Amino acid sequence: MARPRKPLLSRDRIVTAALALIDEEGLAALSTRRLAAELGVSGPSLYNHFATKEAILDAAADTVVTQVDLSMFGDGRDWRQALLDWGRSYRAALTDHPHIVPFLAIGPGLRPAGLRMADAVFGGMVEAGWPPAHATRIGALMRYFVTGSALGSFAGGFVGDADVYDPADYPHLGQAHLLAKHQRQIDSGAFETGLRALIDGLAVQFEALADPGTAPA
């Protein structure tokens, strides 16, 4: 029997094509018609693998989350180092696929990888000694911070024209036109500064929980 000219359609092939389309053109570009065209198949054939377009989007989003390292929750690392390492891995996965971040920011829904990540973080914090309510808040706080950092670029929001920043109007923005050239360095540095400040603040709270007498007035 002759081999088919194109690879057989599969869930993995559909998800890979969907994520590539989102990466290149954004969430609005994803439709079953466009995806079918990219795959060289008829639209209805997609429904043999996914019931709806939303299910394809869920699977594509979950594929991104599977790239996040969760090994630090359970390998003996201190909870502070675990949050640092997880936060960095989480942001790296999102910045590799920035167009899907707004969808991921909604929450894990029923997506398995998203739920496994939430379970790992919550479990890691509880095992470290955080009360369950605080562990839940930490997971939420980290998600807000990481997804927010991946939604856009601070440095990239400034134009490269020095004339825009007239010192008469903006006396402190004389170097702002240089920010976009150093976008990656500035944005990564801002994330690292914020992540460390966040965890340092949590450490103060953790000590106060262990010894209520040290709680700030």
N, C-alpha and C. Protein backbone atom coordinates (compact mmCIF):
# COMPACT_ATOMS: atom_id res chain seq x y z
N MET A 1 0.85 -1.19 0.00
CA MET A 1 0.00 0.00 0.00
C MET A 1 0.89 1.24 0.00
N ALA A 2 0.56 2.19 -0.88
CA ALA A 2 1.36 3.42 -0.97
C ALA A 2 1.17 4.26 0.29
N ARG A 3 2.22 4.94 0.68
CA ARG A 3 2.13 5.81 1.84
C ARG A 3 1.29 7.04 1.51
N PRO A 4 0.55 7.56 2.50
CA PRO A 4 -0.20 8.79 2.26
C PRO A 4 0.77 9.94 1.99
N ARG A 5 0.36 10.86 1.12
CA ARG A 5 1.24 11.97 0.77
C ARG A 5 1.49 12.89 1.96
N LYS A 6 0.51 13.01 2.88
CA LYS A 6 0.64 13.87 4.04
C LYS A 6 0.51 13.03 5.30
N PRO A 7 1.17 13.44 6.36
CA PRO A 7 1.06 12.69 7.60
C PRO A 7 -0.39 12.57 8.04
N LEU A 8 -0.73 11.46 8.65
CA LEU A 8 -2.08 11.28 9.14
C LEU A 8 -2.38 12.31 10.21
N LEU A 9 -3.62 12.76 10.22
CA LEU A 9 -4.03 13.76 11.20
C LEU A 9 -4.06 13.13 12.58
N SER A 10 -3.60 13.87 13.58
CA SER A 10 -3.59 13.40 14.96
C SER A 10 -3.81 14.58 15.88
N ARG A 11 -4.12 14.30 17.13
CA ARG A 11 -4.31 15.37 18.11
C ARG A 11 -3.03 16.20 18.23
N ASP A 12 -1.89 15.52 18.32
CA ASP A 12 -0.63 16.23 18.48
C ASP A 12 -0.35 17.14 17.29
N ARG A 13 -0.62 16.65 16.10
CA ARG A 13 -0.35 17.46 14.91
C ARG A 13 -1.27 18.68 14.87
N ILE A 14 -2.51 18.50 15.27
CA ILE A 14 -3.46 19.62 15.30
C ILE A 14 -3.01 20.66 16.32
N VAL A 15 -2.64 20.20 17.50
CA VAL A 15 -2.24 21.13 18.56
C VAL A 15 -0.97 21.88 18.17
N THR A 16 -0.01 21.18 17.60
CA THR A 16 1.23 21.83 17.18
C THR A 16 0.96 22.91 16.15
N ALA A 17 0.09 22.62 15.20
CA ALA A 17 -0.24 23.60 14.16
C ALA A 17 -1.01 24.78 14.75
N ALA A 18 -1.91 24.50 15.68
CA ALA A 18 -2.69 25.56 16.31
C ALA A 18 -1.79 26.50 17.09
N LEU A 19 -0.86 25.94 17.85
CA LEU A 19 0.03 26.78 18.65
C LEU A 19 0.96 27.59 17.75
N ALA A 20 1.42 27.00 16.67
CA ALA A 20 2.28 27.72 15.74
C ALA A 20 1.53 28.89 15.11
N LEU A 21 0.26 28.68 14.80
CA LEU A 21 -0.56 29.74 14.21
C LEU A 21 -0.77 30.87 15.20
N ILE A 22 -1.06 30.51 16.46
CA ILE A 22 -1.23 31.52 17.50
C ILE A 22 0.06 32.28 17.73
N ASP A 23 1.18 31.57 17.79
CA ASP A 23 2.48 32.21 18.00
C ASP A 23 2.77 33.24 16.91
N GLU A 24 2.41 32.90 15.70
CA GLU A 24 2.76 33.76 14.56
C GLU A 24 1.80 34.92 14.39
N GLU A 25 0.49 34.66 14.60
CA GLU A 25 -0.50 35.67 14.24
C GLU A 25 -1.43 36.08 15.37
N GLY A 26 -1.39 35.40 16.50
CA GLY A 26 -2.25 35.77 17.62
C GLY A 26 -3.48 34.90 17.75
N LEU A 27 -4.15 35.05 18.88
CA LEU A 27 -5.33 34.23 19.18
C LEU A 27 -6.43 34.40 18.15
N ALA A 28 -6.62 35.61 17.66
CA ALA A 28 -7.71 35.88 16.73
C ALA A 28 -7.57 35.11 15.42
N ALA A 29 -6.36 34.69 15.10
CA ALA A 29 -6.12 33.98 13.84
C ALA A 29 -6.60 32.54 13.88
N LEU A 30 -6.82 32.00 15.08
CA LEU A 30 -7.18 30.59 15.18
C LEU A 30 -8.65 30.38 14.87
N SER A 31 -8.91 29.63 13.84
CA SER A 31 -10.26 29.16 13.49
C SER A 31 -10.12 27.76 12.92
N THR A 32 -11.18 26.99 12.98
CA THR A 32 -11.08 25.63 12.45
C THR A 32 -10.84 25.66 10.93
N ARG A 33 -11.41 26.64 10.27
CA ARG A 33 -11.20 26.73 8.82
C ARG A 33 -9.74 27.03 8.50
N ARG A 34 -9.17 28.00 9.21
CA ARG A 34 -7.77 28.36 8.96
C ARG A 34 -6.84 27.23 9.36
N LEU A 35 -7.14 26.59 10.48
CA LEU A 35 -6.30 25.50 10.95
C LEU A 35 -6.34 24.33 9.98
N ALA A 36 -7.51 24.02 9.49
CA ALA A 36 -7.63 22.93 8.51
C ALA A 36 -6.83 23.24 7.25
N ALA A 37 -6.87 24.50 6.83
CA ALA A 37 -6.10 24.89 5.64
C ALA A 37 -4.60 24.73 5.89
N GLU A 38 -4.15 25.11 7.08
CA GLU A 38 -2.74 24.98 7.41
C GLU A 38 -2.30 23.51 7.40
N LEU A 39 -3.21 22.64 7.80
CA LEU A 39 -2.91 21.21 7.88
C LEU A 39 -3.17 20.48 6.57
N GLY A 40 -3.82 21.17 5.64
CA GLY A 40 -4.13 20.54 4.36
C GLY A 40 -5.22 19.49 4.44
N VAL A 41 -6.20 19.72 5.31
CA VAL A 41 -7.30 18.76 5.48
C VAL A 41 -8.61 19.52 5.41
N SER A 42 -9.70 18.79 5.41
CA SER A 42 -11.02 19.42 5.44
C SER A 42 -11.37 19.80 6.88
N GLY A 43 -12.13 20.86 7.04
CA GLY A 43 -12.50 21.33 8.36
C GLY A 43 -13.15 20.26 9.23
N PRO A 44 -14.13 19.53 8.71
CA PRO A 44 -14.81 18.53 9.55
C PRO A 44 -13.89 17.45 10.10
N SER A 45 -12.77 17.19 9.43
CA SER A 45 -11.87 16.13 9.91
C SER A 45 -11.26 16.48 11.27
N LEU A 46 -11.18 17.78 11.58
CA LEU A 46 -10.65 18.18 12.89
C LEU A 46 -11.55 17.69 14.01
N TYR A 47 -12.85 17.59 13.73
CA TYR A 47 -13.80 17.22 14.77
C TYR A 47 -13.75 15.74 15.12
N ASN A 48 -12.98 14.98 14.36
CA ASN A 48 -12.74 13.59 14.76
C ASN A 48 -11.80 13.51 15.96
N HIS A 49 -11.11 14.62 16.23
CA HIS A 49 -10.14 14.65 17.32
C HIS A 49 -10.51 15.65 18.42
N PHE A 50 -11.18 16.74 18.04
CA PHE A 50 -11.59 17.76 19.01
C PHE A 50 -13.03 18.17 18.72
N ALA A 51 -13.82 18.27 19.76
CA ALA A 51 -15.24 18.58 19.58
C ALA A 51 -15.47 20.03 19.15
N THR A 52 -14.61 20.94 19.61
CA THR A 52 -14.80 22.36 19.32
C THR A 52 -13.45 23.05 19.13
N LYS A 53 -13.51 24.25 18.59
CA LYS A 53 -12.30 25.07 18.49
C LYS A 53 -11.74 25.37 19.88
N GLU A 54 -12.64 25.59 20.84
CA GLU A 54 -12.21 25.90 22.20
C GLU A 54 -11.41 24.75 22.80
N ALA A 55 -11.77 23.52 22.44
CA ALA A 55 -11.02 22.36 22.93
C ALA A 55 -9.61 22.34 22.35
N ILE A 56 -9.48 22.75 21.11
CA ILE A 56 -8.15 22.84 20.49
C ILE A 56 -7.33 23.91 21.20
N LEU A 57 -7.95 25.04 21.48
CA LEU A 57 -7.26 26.12 22.18
C LEU A 57 -6.84 25.68 23.58
N ASP A 58 -7.71 24.96 24.27
CA ASP A 58 -7.36 24.43 25.59
C ASP A 58 -6.13 23.53 25.51
N ALA A 59 -6.11 22.67 24.51
CA ALA A 59 -4.99 21.74 24.36
C ALA A 59 -3.70 22.48 24.02
N ALA A 60 -3.80 23.50 23.19
CA ALA A 60 -2.61 24.29 22.84
C ALA A 60 -2.08 25.02 24.07
N ALA A 61 -2.98 25.59 24.86
CA ALA A 61 -2.58 26.29 26.08
C ALA A 61 -1.93 25.32 27.06
N ASP A 62 -2.49 24.14 27.18
CA ASP A 62 -1.94 23.17 28.12
C ASP A 62 -0.56 22.68 27.68
N THR A 63 -0.34 22.65 26.37
CA THR A 63 0.98 22.28 25.86
C THR A 63 2.04 23.25 26.33
N VAL A 64 1.69 24.53 26.39
CA VAL A 64 2.64 25.54 26.89
C VAL A 64 2.94 25.28 28.36
N VAL A 65 1.93 24.97 29.15
CA VAL A 65 2.12 24.76 30.58
C VAL A 65 2.97 23.51 30.85
N THR A 66 2.90 22.53 29.98
CA THR A 66 3.72 21.33 30.18
C THR A 66 5.22 21.65 30.11
N GLN A 67 5.57 22.81 29.54
CA GLN A 67 6.97 23.20 29.44
C GLN A 67 7.51 23.77 30.75
N VAL A 68 6.61 24.02 31.72
CA VAL A 68 7.04 24.59 32.99
C VAL A 68 7.58 23.48 33.89
N ASP A 69 8.78 23.70 34.42
CA ASP A 69 9.42 22.74 35.32
C ASP A 69 8.73 22.78 36.68
N LEU A 70 8.32 21.62 37.18
CA LEU A 70 7.68 21.52 38.50
C LEU A 70 8.50 20.64 39.45
N SER A 71 9.68 20.25 39.03
CA SER A 71 10.46 19.30 39.81
C SER A 71 10.90 19.85 41.17
N MET A 72 10.92 21.17 41.28
CA MET A 72 11.38 21.79 42.53
C MET A 72 10.41 21.59 43.69
N PHE A 73 9.17 21.23 43.37
CA PHE A 73 8.20 20.97 44.42
C PHE A 73 8.20 19.47 44.73
N GLY A 74 9.06 19.10 45.67
CA GLY A 74 9.13 17.69 46.02
C GLY A 74 10.53 17.13 45.98
N ASP A 75 11.52 17.94 45.59
CA ASP A 75 12.90 17.41 45.54
C ASP A 75 13.75 17.92 46.69
N GLY A 76 13.11 18.50 47.71
CA GLY A 76 13.85 18.92 48.90
C GLY A 76 14.30 20.36 48.89
N ARG A 77 14.03 21.10 47.82
CA ARG A 77 14.43 22.50 47.79
C ARG A 77 13.62 23.33 48.80
N ASP A 78 14.27 24.30 49.41
CA ASP A 78 13.58 25.24 50.28
C ASP A 78 12.46 25.92 49.49
N TRP A 79 11.36 26.25 50.16
CA TRP A 79 10.20 26.80 49.45
C TRP A 79 10.53 28.11 48.73
N ARG A 80 11.46 28.89 49.31
CA ARG A 80 11.84 30.15 48.66
C ARG A 80 12.55 29.88 47.34
N GLN A 81 13.50 28.95 47.35
CA GLN A 81 14.22 28.61 46.13
C GLN A 81 13.29 27.95 45.13
N ALA A 82 12.35 27.14 45.63
CA ALA A 82 11.39 26.49 44.74
C ALA A 82 10.55 27.52 44.00
N LEU A 83 10.08 28.55 44.71
CA LEU A 83 9.29 29.59 44.05
C LEU A 83 10.12 30.37 43.05
N LEU A 84 11.38 30.66 43.40
CA LEU A 84 12.27 31.34 42.46
C LEU A 84 12.44 30.54 41.17
N ASP A 85 12.77 29.26 41.34
CA ASP A 85 13.04 28.41 40.17
C ASP A 85 11.78 28.19 39.34
N TRP A 86 10.66 27.97 40.03
CA TRP A 86 9.41 27.78 39.30
C TRP A 86 8.99 29.05 38.58
N GLY A 87 9.09 30.20 39.25
CA GLY A 87 8.71 31.46 38.63
C GLY A 87 9.50 31.73 37.36
N ARG A 88 10.79 31.44 37.40
CA ARG A 88 11.63 31.64 36.21
C ARG A 88 11.23 30.71 35.07
N SER A 89 10.99 29.44 35.40
CA SER A 89 10.59 28.48 34.37
C SER A 89 9.22 28.83 33.80
N TYR A 90 8.32 29.24 34.66
CA TYR A 90 6.96 29.62 34.26
C TYR A 90 7.01 30.80 33.29
N ARG A 91 7.77 31.82 33.65
CA ARG A 91 7.86 32.99 32.77
C ARG A 91 8.52 32.63 31.43
N ALA A 92 9.54 31.79 31.47
CA ALA A 92 10.22 31.40 30.23
C ALA A 92 9.25 30.72 29.27
N ALA A 93 8.39 29.85 29.80
CA ALA A 93 7.40 29.18 28.96
C ALA A 93 6.42 30.17 28.35
N LEU A 94 5.99 31.14 29.14
CA LEU A 94 5.01 32.11 28.65
C LEU A 94 5.63 33.08 27.65
N THR A 95 6.85 33.52 27.92
CA THR A 95 7.48 34.46 26.99
C THR A 95 7.83 33.80 25.65
N ASP A 96 7.92 32.48 25.63
CA ASP A 96 8.12 31.77 24.37
C ASP A 96 6.84 31.76 23.53
N HIS A 97 5.69 31.98 24.18
CA HIS A 97 4.40 31.93 23.49
C HIS A 97 3.52 33.09 23.98
N PRO A 98 3.95 34.34 23.76
CA PRO A 98 3.27 35.48 24.37
C PRO A 98 1.82 35.67 23.94
N HIS A 99 1.48 35.26 22.72
CA HIS A 99 0.12 35.52 22.24
C HIS A 99 -0.95 34.69 22.95
N ILE A 100 -0.54 33.59 23.57
CA ILE A 100 -1.52 32.75 24.25
C ILE A 100 -1.65 33.11 25.74
N VAL A 101 -0.80 34.03 26.20
CA VAL A 101 -0.81 34.40 27.61
C VAL A 101 -2.17 34.94 28.08
N PRO A 102 -2.85 35.80 27.31
CA PRO A 102 -4.16 36.28 27.79
C PRO A 102 -5.15 35.15 28.06
N PHE A 103 -5.10 34.10 27.27
CA PHE A 103 -5.98 32.96 27.49
C PHE A 103 -5.55 32.19 28.74
N LEU A 104 -4.26 31.99 28.91
CA LEU A 104 -3.76 31.28 30.08
C LEU A 104 -4.04 32.07 31.36
N ALA A 105 -4.08 33.38 31.26
CA ALA A 105 -4.30 34.21 32.45
C ALA A 105 -5.67 34.00 33.06
N ILE A 106 -6.61 33.45 32.30
CA ILE A 106 -7.95 33.21 32.81
C ILE A 106 -7.93 32.17 33.92
N GLY A 107 -7.02 31.22 33.84
CA GLY A 107 -6.94 30.16 34.84
C GLY A 107 -6.86 28.80 34.18
N PRO A 108 -6.64 27.75 34.98
CA PRO A 108 -6.41 26.42 34.40
C PRO A 108 -7.66 25.73 33.88
N GLY A 109 -8.84 26.15 34.35
CA GLY A 109 -10.05 25.45 33.91
C GLY A 109 -9.97 23.97 34.21
N LEU A 110 -10.16 23.16 33.18
CA LEU A 110 -10.06 21.70 33.33
C LEU A 110 -8.82 21.15 32.64
N ARG A 111 -7.88 22.02 32.30
CA ARG A 111 -6.70 21.57 31.58
C ARG A 111 -5.77 20.80 32.52
N PRO A 112 -5.41 19.56 32.17
CA PRO A 112 -4.63 18.71 33.07
C PRO A 112 -3.30 19.31 33.51
N ALA A 113 -2.51 19.86 32.57
CA ALA A 113 -1.20 20.39 32.95
C ALA A 113 -1.35 21.60 33.87
N GLY A 114 -2.35 22.43 33.60
CA GLY A 114 -2.59 23.57 34.46
C GLY A 114 -2.99 23.15 35.86
N LEU A 115 -3.80 22.13 35.95
CA LEU A 115 -4.22 21.64 37.26
C LEU A 115 -3.07 20.96 37.99
N ARG A 116 -2.22 20.25 37.25
CA ARG A 116 -1.05 19.63 37.89
C ARG A 116 -0.12 20.70 38.45
N MET A 117 0.02 21.81 37.72
CA MET A 117 0.87 22.88 38.21
C MET A 117 0.28 23.50 39.47
N ALA A 118 -1.01 23.77 39.47
CA ALA A 118 -1.65 24.32 40.66
C ALA A 118 -1.51 23.37 41.84
N ASP A 119 -1.66 22.09 41.59
CA ASP A 119 -1.55 21.09 42.64
C ASP A 119 -0.13 21.04 43.20
N ALA A 120 0.87 21.12 42.32
CA ALA A 120 2.26 21.05 42.75
C ALA A 120 2.64 22.24 43.61
N VAL A 121 2.21 23.44 43.19
CA VAL A 121 2.55 24.64 43.94
C VAL A 121 1.86 24.63 45.30
N PHE A 122 0.57 24.34 45.31
CA PHE A 122 -0.17 24.31 46.57
C PHE A 122 0.43 23.26 47.51
N GLY A 123 0.67 22.07 46.98
CA GLY A 123 1.23 21.01 47.80
C GLY A 123 2.60 21.36 48.33
N GLY A 124 3.44 21.98 47.49
CA GLY A 124 4.77 22.36 47.92
C GLY A 124 4.76 23.38 49.04
N MET A 125 3.84 24.33 48.95
CA MET A 125 3.76 25.36 50.00
C MET A 125 3.22 24.78 51.31
N VAL A 126 2.22 23.92 51.22
CA VAL A 126 1.67 23.31 52.44
C VAL A 126 2.72 22.43 53.11
N GLU A 127 3.44 21.65 52.32
CA GLU A 127 4.49 20.79 52.88
C GLU A 127 5.60 21.61 53.53
N ALA A 128 5.81 22.84 53.03
CA ALA A 128 6.85 23.70 53.60
C ALA A 128 6.40 24.34 54.91
N GLY A 129 5.12 24.23 55.23
CA GLY A 129 4.63 24.79 56.48
C GLY A 129 3.66 25.93 56.36
N TRP A 130 3.32 26.32 55.12
CA TRP A 130 2.33 27.37 54.94
C TRP A 130 0.93 26.82 55.22
N PRO A 131 0.08 27.57 55.92
CA PRO A 131 -1.31 27.15 56.07
C PRO A 131 -1.98 27.08 54.70
N PRO A 132 -2.95 26.18 54.51
CA PRO A 132 -3.58 26.03 53.20
C PRO A 132 -4.11 27.33 52.59
N ALA A 133 -4.73 28.17 53.40
CA ALA A 133 -5.26 29.42 52.86
C ALA A 133 -4.15 30.30 52.30
N HIS A 134 -3.02 30.36 53.00
CA HIS A 134 -1.89 31.14 52.52
C HIS A 134 -1.28 30.51 51.27
N ALA A 135 -1.23 29.18 51.24
CA ALA A 135 -0.68 28.49 50.07
C ALA A 135 -1.50 28.81 48.82
N THR A 136 -2.81 28.88 48.99
CA THR A 136 -3.68 29.23 47.87
C THR A 136 -3.38 30.64 47.38
N ARG A 137 -3.20 31.56 48.32
CA ARG A 137 -2.92 32.95 47.95
C ARG A 137 -1.57 33.07 47.26
N ILE A 138 -0.60 32.30 47.71
CA ILE A 138 0.73 32.35 47.08
C ILE A 138 0.64 31.87 45.63
N GLY A 139 -0.09 30.79 45.40
CA GLY A 139 -0.26 30.31 44.03
C GLY A 139 -0.91 31.35 43.15
N ALA A 140 -1.95 32.02 43.68
CA ALA A 140 -2.63 33.06 42.92
C ALA A 140 -1.71 34.25 42.67
N LEU A 141 -1.00 34.67 43.72
CA LEU A 141 -0.08 35.81 43.61
C LEU A 141 0.98 35.56 42.55
N MET A 142 1.57 34.38 42.57
CA MET A 142 2.60 34.07 41.59
C MET A 142 2.04 34.05 40.17
N ARG A 143 0.83 33.54 40.02
CA ARG A 143 0.23 33.53 38.68
C ARG A 143 -0.02 34.95 38.20
N TYR A 144 -0.53 35.82 39.08
CA TYR A 144 -0.74 37.20 38.70
C TYR A 144 0.57 37.84 38.24
N PHE A 145 1.62 37.62 39.03
CA PHE A 145 2.89 38.27 38.75
C PHE A 145 3.53 37.75 37.47
N VAL A 146 3.57 36.43 37.32
CA VAL A 146 4.24 35.85 36.16
C VAL A 146 3.48 36.15 34.87
N THR A 147 2.17 35.93 34.87
CA THR A 147 1.42 36.19 33.64
C THR A 147 1.42 37.67 33.31
N GLY A 148 1.35 38.52 34.34
CA GLY A 148 1.40 39.95 34.08
C GLY A 148 2.71 40.37 33.43
N SER A 149 3.80 39.77 33.88
CA SER A 149 5.11 40.10 33.33
C SER A 149 5.25 39.64 31.88
N ALA A 150 4.49 38.63 31.51
CA ALA A 150 4.60 38.06 30.16
C ALA A 150 3.60 38.68 29.19
N LEU A 151 2.68 39.50 29.68
CA LEU A 151 1.66 40.08 28.81
C LEU A 151 2.20 41.18 27.90
N GLY A 152 3.29 41.79 28.30
CA GLY A 152 3.84 42.85 27.48
C GLY A 152 5.22 43.24 27.96
N SER A 153 5.84 44.14 27.23
CA SER A 153 7.19 44.59 27.56
C SER A 153 7.16 46.04 28.00
N PHE A 154 7.73 46.32 29.17
CA PHE A 154 7.88 47.71 29.62
C PHE A 154 8.83 48.46 28.69
N ALA A 155 10.01 47.90 28.49
CA ALA A 155 11.01 48.58 27.68
C ALA A 155 10.55 48.74 26.24
N GLY A 156 9.85 47.73 25.73
CA GLY A 156 9.39 47.77 24.35
C GLY A 156 8.31 48.80 24.11
N GLY A 157 7.77 49.38 25.17
CA GLY A 157 6.72 50.38 25.02
C GLY A 157 7.23 51.77 24.75
N PHE A 158 8.54 51.95 24.74
CA PHE A 158 9.13 53.26 24.47
C PHE A 158 9.68 53.29 23.05
N VAL A 159 9.47 54.40 22.35
CA VAL A 159 9.95 54.52 20.97
C VAL A 159 11.42 54.91 20.97
N GLY A 160 12.08 54.67 19.84
CA GLY A 160 13.51 54.91 19.75
C GLY A 160 13.89 56.30 19.29
N ASP A 161 12.94 57.21 19.26
CA ASP A 161 13.19 58.58 18.79
C ASP A 161 13.42 59.49 20.00
N ALA A 162 14.62 59.99 20.15
CA ALA A 162 14.95 60.83 21.30
C ALA A 162 14.15 62.12 21.31
N ASP A 163 13.73 62.59 20.14
CA ASP A 163 13.00 63.86 20.07
C ASP A 163 11.63 63.78 20.74
N VAL A 164 11.12 62.56 20.89
CA VAL A 164 9.81 62.39 21.53
C VAL A 164 9.85 62.83 22.99
N TYR A 165 11.01 62.66 23.61
CA TYR A 165 11.12 62.90 25.04
C TYR A 165 11.77 64.26 25.30
N ASP A 166 11.03 65.28 24.97
CA ASP A 166 11.48 66.66 25.17
C ASP A 166 11.71 66.89 26.66
N PRO A 167 12.92 67.30 27.05
CA PRO A 167 13.21 67.51 28.47
C PRO A 167 12.32 68.55 29.13
N ALA A 168 11.73 69.43 28.33
CA ALA A 168 10.81 70.40 28.91
C ALA A 168 9.54 69.72 29.42
N ASP A 169 9.18 68.64 28.78
CA ASP A 169 7.98 67.90 29.19
C ASP A 169 8.32 66.71 30.07
N TYR A 170 9.43 66.04 29.77
CA TYR A 170 9.82 64.81 30.47
C TYR A 170 11.27 64.92 30.94
N PRO A 171 11.51 65.68 31.99
CA PRO A 171 12.90 65.96 32.40
C PRO A 171 13.70 64.74 32.83
N HIS A 172 13.03 63.63 33.12
CA HIS A 172 13.74 62.45 33.62
C HIS A 172 13.79 61.32 32.59
N LEU A 173 13.37 61.58 31.37
CA LEU A 173 13.32 60.52 30.36
C LEU A 173 14.33 60.76 29.23
N GLY A 174 15.45 61.36 29.57
CA GLY A 174 16.44 61.66 28.55
C GLY A 174 17.05 60.43 27.88
N GLN A 175 16.98 59.27 28.54
CA GLN A 175 17.54 58.04 27.96
C GLN A 175 16.44 57.05 27.57
N ALA A 176 15.21 57.48 27.61
CA ALA A 176 14.09 56.55 27.37
C ALA A 176 14.11 55.97 25.96
N HIS A 177 14.67 56.72 25.00
CA HIS A 177 14.70 56.22 23.63
C HIS A 177 15.63 55.02 23.47
N LEU A 178 16.45 54.76 24.48
CA LEU A 178 17.38 53.63 24.41
C LEU A 178 16.80 52.34 25.01
N LEU A 179 15.66 52.46 25.68
CA LEU A 179 15.12 51.31 26.41
C LEU A 179 14.78 50.13 25.50
N ALA A 180 14.15 50.42 24.37
CA ALA A 180 13.71 49.33 23.49
C ALA A 180 14.90 48.51 22.97
N LYS A 181 16.05 49.14 22.82
CA LYS A 181 17.24 48.42 22.34
C LYS A 181 17.71 47.37 23.35
N HIS A 182 17.35 47.59 24.61
CA HIS A 182 17.79 46.69 25.68
C HIS A 182 16.58 46.00 26.32
N GLN A 183 15.58 45.74 25.50
CA GLN A 183 14.31 45.23 25.98
C GLN A 183 14.45 43.95 26.79
N ARG A 184 15.13 42.98 26.26
CA ARG A 184 15.25 41.69 26.94
C ARG A 184 15.94 41.83 28.29
N GLN A 185 17.04 42.57 28.32
CA GLN A 185 17.79 42.75 29.56
C GLN A 185 16.96 43.49 30.60
N ILE A 186 16.27 44.54 30.19
CA ILE A 186 15.49 45.34 31.14
C ILE A 186 14.30 44.56 31.66
N ASP A 187 13.57 43.91 30.76
CA ASP A 187 12.39 43.18 31.18
C ASP A 187 12.75 42.00 32.07
N SER A 188 13.82 41.29 31.71
CA SER A 188 14.26 40.16 32.54
C SER A 188 14.73 40.65 33.91
N GLY A 189 15.45 41.76 33.92
CA GLY A 189 15.92 42.31 35.18
C GLY A 189 14.78 42.78 36.06
N ALA A 190 13.77 43.38 35.45
CA ALA A 190 12.60 43.83 36.22
C ALA A 190 11.87 42.64 36.81
N PHE A 191 11.74 41.58 36.03
CA PHE A 191 11.08 40.39 36.54
C PHE A 191 11.84 39.80 37.71
N GLU A 192 13.15 39.70 37.57
CA GLU A 192 13.97 39.12 38.62
C GLU A 192 13.90 39.97 39.89
N THR A 193 13.95 41.28 39.73
CA THR A 193 13.85 42.18 40.89
C THR A 193 12.51 41.99 41.60
N GLY A 194 11.44 41.96 40.82
CA GLY A 194 10.12 41.80 41.41
C GLY A 194 9.93 40.44 42.05
N LEU A 195 10.43 39.39 41.40
CA LEU A 195 10.29 38.04 41.94
C LEU A 195 10.99 37.91 43.29
N ARG A 196 12.21 38.44 43.36
CA ARG A 196 12.96 38.35 44.61
C ARG A 196 12.30 39.19 45.71
N ALA A 197 11.78 40.36 45.34
CA ALA A 197 11.10 41.20 46.33
C ALA A 197 9.84 40.52 46.85
N LEU A 198 9.13 39.87 45.94
CA LEU A 198 7.91 39.16 46.32
C LEU A 198 8.24 38.04 47.31
N ILE A 199 9.25 37.26 47.00
CA ILE A 199 9.60 36.13 47.87
C ILE A 199 10.19 36.60 49.19
N ASP A 200 10.97 37.69 49.16
CA ASP A 200 11.47 38.24 50.41
C ASP A 200 10.32 38.68 51.31
N GLY A 201 9.30 39.27 50.70
CA GLY A 201 8.14 39.68 51.48
C GLY A 201 7.39 38.49 52.05
N LEU A 202 7.28 37.43 51.27
CA LEU A 202 6.63 36.21 51.77
C LEU A 202 7.43 35.61 52.92
N ALA A 203 8.75 35.69 52.83
CA ALA A 203 9.58 35.14 53.91
C ALA A 203 9.31 35.85 55.23
N VAL A 204 9.09 37.15 55.18
CA VAL A 204 8.75 37.90 56.39
C VAL A 204 7.43 37.41 56.96
N GLN A 205 6.46 37.20 56.09
CA GLN A 205 5.16 36.68 56.54
C GLN A 205 5.29 35.27 57.12
N PHE A 206 6.13 34.47 56.51
CA PHE A 206 6.31 33.09 56.97
C PHE A 206 6.90 33.07 58.39
N GLU A 207 7.87 33.93 58.63
CA GLU A 207 8.47 34.02 59.95
C GLU A 207 7.45 34.51 60.98
N ALA A 208 6.59 35.43 60.57
CA ALA A 208 5.57 35.94 61.48
C ALA A 208 4.56 34.86 61.83
N LEU A 209 4.25 33.99 60.88
CA LEU A 209 3.33 32.89 61.16
C LEU A 209 3.92 31.90 62.15
N ALA A 210 5.23 31.70 62.04
CA ALA A 210 5.90 30.77 62.95
C ALA A 210 6.03 31.35 64.35
N ASP A 211 6.15 32.69 64.42
CA ASP A 211 6.30 33.35 65.73
C ASP A 211 5.43 34.61 65.70
N PRO A 212 4.15 34.50 66.09
CA PRO A 212 3.23 35.66 66.01
C PRO A 212 3.76 36.88 66.71
N GLY A 213 4.67 36.72 67.68
CA GLY A 213 5.21 37.87 68.38
C GLY A 213 6.08 38.74 67.52
N THR A 214 6.51 38.23 66.34
CA THR A 214 7.37 39.01 65.45
C THR A 214 6.57 39.75 64.40
N ALA A 215 5.24 39.56 64.40
CA ALA A 215 4.43 40.22 63.37
C ALA A 215 4.54 41.73 63.50
N PRO A 216 4.63 42.45 62.37
CA PRO A 216 4.74 43.91 62.43
C PRO A 216 3.49 44.53 63.02
N ALA A 217 3.66 45.66 63.69
CA ALA A 217 2.53 46.34 64.32
C ALA A 217 1.60 46.90 63.27
